[in-house]
N, C-alpha and C. Protein backbone atom coordinates (compact mmCIF):
# COMPACT_ATOMS: atom_id res chain seq x y z
N MET A 1 15.72 12.10 -1.27
CA MET A 1 15.08 10.83 -0.95
C MET A 1 15.99 9.70 -1.45
N LYS A 2 16.17 8.70 -0.60
CA LYS A 2 17.02 7.58 -0.96
C LYS A 2 16.33 6.70 -2.00
N LYS A 3 17.13 5.93 -2.68
CA LYS A 3 16.61 5.04 -3.71
C LYS A 3 15.68 3.99 -3.11
N SER A 4 16.03 3.46 -1.94
CA SER A 4 15.18 2.45 -1.31
C SER A 4 13.83 3.03 -0.88
N GLU A 5 13.83 4.28 -0.41
CA GLU A 5 12.58 4.92 -0.04
C GLU A 5 11.69 5.14 -1.26
N THR A 6 12.31 5.48 -2.38
CA THR A 6 11.55 5.65 -3.61
C THR A 6 10.90 4.34 -4.04
N TYR A 7 11.64 3.25 -3.92
CA TYR A 7 11.08 1.94 -4.26
C TYR A 7 9.94 1.55 -3.34
N LYS A 8 10.08 1.84 -2.05
CA LYS A 8 9.01 1.53 -1.10
C LYS A 8 7.74 2.30 -1.42
N LEU A 9 7.89 3.58 -1.68
CA LEU A 9 6.73 4.40 -1.97
C LEU A 9 6.09 4.00 -3.30
N ALA A 10 6.91 3.70 -4.30
CA ALA A 10 6.38 3.28 -5.59
C ALA A 10 5.62 1.96 -5.46
N CYS A 11 6.17 1.04 -4.67
CA CYS A 11 5.50 -0.24 -4.44
C CYS A 11 4.16 -0.04 -3.73
N ALA A 12 4.14 0.81 -2.71
CA ALA A 12 2.91 1.06 -1.97
C ALA A 12 1.84 1.70 -2.86
N VAL A 13 2.23 2.68 -3.64
CA VAL A 13 1.28 3.35 -4.52
C VAL A 13 0.79 2.39 -5.60
N LEU A 14 1.68 1.58 -6.14
CA LEU A 14 1.30 0.61 -7.16
C LEU A 14 0.31 -0.42 -6.60
N LEU A 15 0.52 -0.86 -5.38
CA LEU A 15 -0.40 -1.81 -4.75
C LEU A 15 -1.78 -1.20 -4.57
N ILE A 16 -1.84 0.03 -4.10
CA ILE A 16 -3.13 0.69 -3.89
C ILE A 16 -3.86 0.88 -5.21
N VAL A 17 -3.16 1.38 -6.21
CA VAL A 17 -3.79 1.63 -7.51
C VAL A 17 -4.23 0.33 -8.17
N SER A 18 -3.41 -0.71 -8.09
CA SER A 18 -3.79 -1.97 -8.72
C SER A 18 -4.98 -2.62 -8.03
N SER A 19 -5.07 -2.50 -6.72
CA SER A 19 -6.21 -3.11 -6.02
C SER A 19 -7.50 -2.37 -6.34
N ILE A 20 -7.45 -1.06 -6.43
CA ILE A 20 -8.64 -0.29 -6.79
C ILE A 20 -9.05 -0.59 -8.22
N ALA A 21 -8.08 -0.67 -9.13
CA ALA A 21 -8.39 -0.97 -10.52
C ALA A 21 -8.97 -2.37 -10.68
N LEU A 22 -8.42 -3.34 -9.96
CA LEU A 22 -8.93 -4.70 -10.02
C LEU A 22 -10.36 -4.79 -9.53
N ALA A 23 -10.66 -4.11 -8.43
CA ALA A 23 -12.03 -4.11 -7.90
C ALA A 23 -12.97 -3.42 -8.86
N PHE A 24 -12.55 -2.32 -9.44
CA PHE A 24 -13.38 -1.58 -10.39
C PHE A 24 -13.68 -2.42 -11.63
N LEU A 25 -12.65 -3.08 -12.18
CA LEU A 25 -12.85 -3.89 -13.38
C LEU A 25 -13.78 -5.08 -13.11
N GLN A 26 -13.60 -5.71 -11.98
CA GLN A 26 -14.46 -6.85 -11.67
C GLN A 26 -15.89 -6.41 -11.39
N ALA A 27 -16.06 -5.28 -10.76
CA ALA A 27 -17.41 -4.78 -10.50
C ALA A 27 -18.12 -4.44 -11.80
N ILE A 28 -17.39 -3.95 -12.78
CA ILE A 28 -18.00 -3.62 -14.07
C ILE A 28 -18.34 -4.90 -14.84
N GLN A 29 -17.41 -5.86 -14.88
CA GLN A 29 -17.61 -7.06 -15.67
C GLN A 29 -18.66 -7.99 -15.07
N ILE A 30 -18.57 -8.25 -13.78
CA ILE A 30 -19.43 -9.24 -13.15
C ILE A 30 -20.58 -8.59 -12.39
N GLY A 31 -20.35 -7.41 -11.87
CA GLY A 31 -21.34 -6.76 -11.04
C GLY A 31 -21.19 -7.14 -9.58
N ASP A 32 -20.16 -7.88 -9.26
CA ASP A 32 -19.88 -8.31 -7.90
C ASP A 32 -18.37 -8.43 -7.74
N ILE A 33 -17.91 -8.37 -6.51
CA ILE A 33 -16.48 -8.50 -6.24
C ILE A 33 -16.26 -9.81 -5.51
N ALA A 34 -15.40 -10.65 -6.06
CA ALA A 34 -15.15 -11.98 -5.50
C ALA A 34 -14.32 -11.88 -4.21
N ASN A 35 -14.38 -12.93 -3.42
CA ASN A 35 -13.65 -12.96 -2.16
C ASN A 35 -12.14 -12.84 -2.36
N GLY A 36 -11.63 -13.45 -3.41
CA GLY A 36 -10.19 -13.38 -3.67
C GLY A 36 -9.73 -11.96 -3.94
N VAL A 37 -10.55 -11.20 -4.63
CA VAL A 37 -10.20 -9.81 -4.90
C VAL A 37 -10.24 -8.99 -3.62
N LEU A 38 -11.21 -9.26 -2.77
CA LEU A 38 -11.28 -8.56 -1.49
C LEU A 38 -10.08 -8.88 -0.61
N ILE A 39 -9.64 -10.12 -0.65
CA ILE A 39 -8.45 -10.49 0.11
C ILE A 39 -7.22 -9.78 -0.44
N TYR A 40 -7.11 -9.70 -1.77
CA TYR A 40 -5.99 -8.98 -2.39
C TYR A 40 -6.02 -7.51 -1.99
N ILE A 41 -7.18 -6.90 -2.01
CA ILE A 41 -7.31 -5.49 -1.63
C ILE A 41 -6.87 -5.29 -0.18
N ALA A 42 -7.34 -6.15 0.70
CA ALA A 42 -6.98 -6.03 2.12
C ALA A 42 -5.48 -6.19 2.32
N GLN A 43 -4.89 -7.17 1.68
CA GLN A 43 -3.45 -7.39 1.83
C GLN A 43 -2.64 -6.24 1.22
N ALA A 44 -3.10 -5.72 0.09
CA ALA A 44 -2.40 -4.60 -0.55
C ALA A 44 -2.45 -3.36 0.33
N PHE A 45 -3.61 -3.08 0.92
CA PHE A 45 -3.72 -1.91 1.78
C PHE A 45 -2.90 -2.08 3.06
N MET A 46 -2.86 -3.29 3.59
CA MET A 46 -2.08 -3.52 4.80
C MET A 46 -0.58 -3.36 4.52
N LEU A 47 -0.11 -3.88 3.40
CA LEU A 47 1.30 -3.74 3.06
C LEU A 47 1.65 -2.29 2.77
N ALA A 48 0.79 -1.60 2.03
CA ALA A 48 1.05 -0.19 1.73
C ALA A 48 1.05 0.63 3.01
N GLY A 49 0.12 0.36 3.90
CA GLY A 49 0.09 1.07 5.18
C GLY A 49 1.33 0.78 6.01
N ALA A 50 1.79 -0.46 5.97
CA ALA A 50 2.99 -0.81 6.71
C ALA A 50 4.21 -0.10 6.12
N LEU A 51 4.28 0.01 4.81
CA LEU A 51 5.41 0.69 4.19
C LEU A 51 5.41 2.18 4.54
N PHE A 52 4.23 2.81 4.46
CA PHE A 52 4.15 4.22 4.82
C PHE A 52 4.40 4.42 6.31
N GLY A 53 3.81 3.58 7.14
CA GLY A 53 3.93 3.71 8.58
C GLY A 53 5.31 3.41 9.09
N LEU A 54 5.98 2.46 8.48
CA LEU A 54 7.33 2.10 8.90
C LEU A 54 8.29 3.26 8.68
N ASP A 55 8.21 3.90 7.55
CA ASP A 55 9.07 5.06 7.29
C ASP A 55 8.79 6.17 8.29
N TYR A 56 7.51 6.38 8.61
CA TYR A 56 7.14 7.43 9.56
C TYR A 56 7.70 7.13 10.95
N CYS A 57 7.56 5.89 11.38
CA CYS A 57 8.06 5.50 12.71
C CYS A 57 9.57 5.61 12.80
N ILE A 58 10.26 5.21 11.76
CA ILE A 58 11.72 5.29 11.75
C ILE A 58 12.18 6.75 11.81
N GLU A 59 11.50 7.63 11.07
CA GLU A 59 11.85 9.05 11.11
C GLU A 59 11.63 9.63 12.50
N LYS A 60 10.53 9.27 13.15
CA LYS A 60 10.24 9.77 14.49
C LYS A 60 11.27 9.26 15.50
N LEU A 61 11.66 8.00 15.37
CA LEU A 61 12.67 7.46 16.28
C LEU A 61 14.02 8.14 16.08
N ARG A 62 14.37 8.40 14.84
CA ARG A 62 15.64 9.09 14.57
C ARG A 62 15.62 10.50 15.14
N ASP A 63 14.48 11.20 14.99
CA ASP A 63 14.37 12.53 15.55
C ASP A 63 14.47 12.52 17.06
N ALA A 64 13.85 11.53 17.69
CA ALA A 64 13.90 11.43 19.14
C ALA A 64 15.30 11.10 19.63
N MET A 65 16.04 10.29 18.88
CA MET A 65 17.40 9.93 19.29
C MET A 65 18.38 11.09 19.09
N ASP A 66 18.09 11.96 18.12
CA ASP A 66 18.96 13.09 17.86
C ASP A 66 18.85 14.15 18.95
N LYS A 67 17.74 14.23 19.64
CA LYS A 67 17.52 15.26 20.65
C LYS A 67 18.18 14.97 21.92
């Protein structure tokens, strides 16, 4: 695995874990999740999905071009 791929995956996993932890902590402290936290969660999941999906699409395109 290349160094850049490792950074992408680490960033995606960190975003997912941090958004879940933030929602969990706020739900415990306040009993409700604020709109800003929900926006952060949505953006974190979209970026993580884009990072995972982009690598998948690039691999599929490379495989198709090799054939």
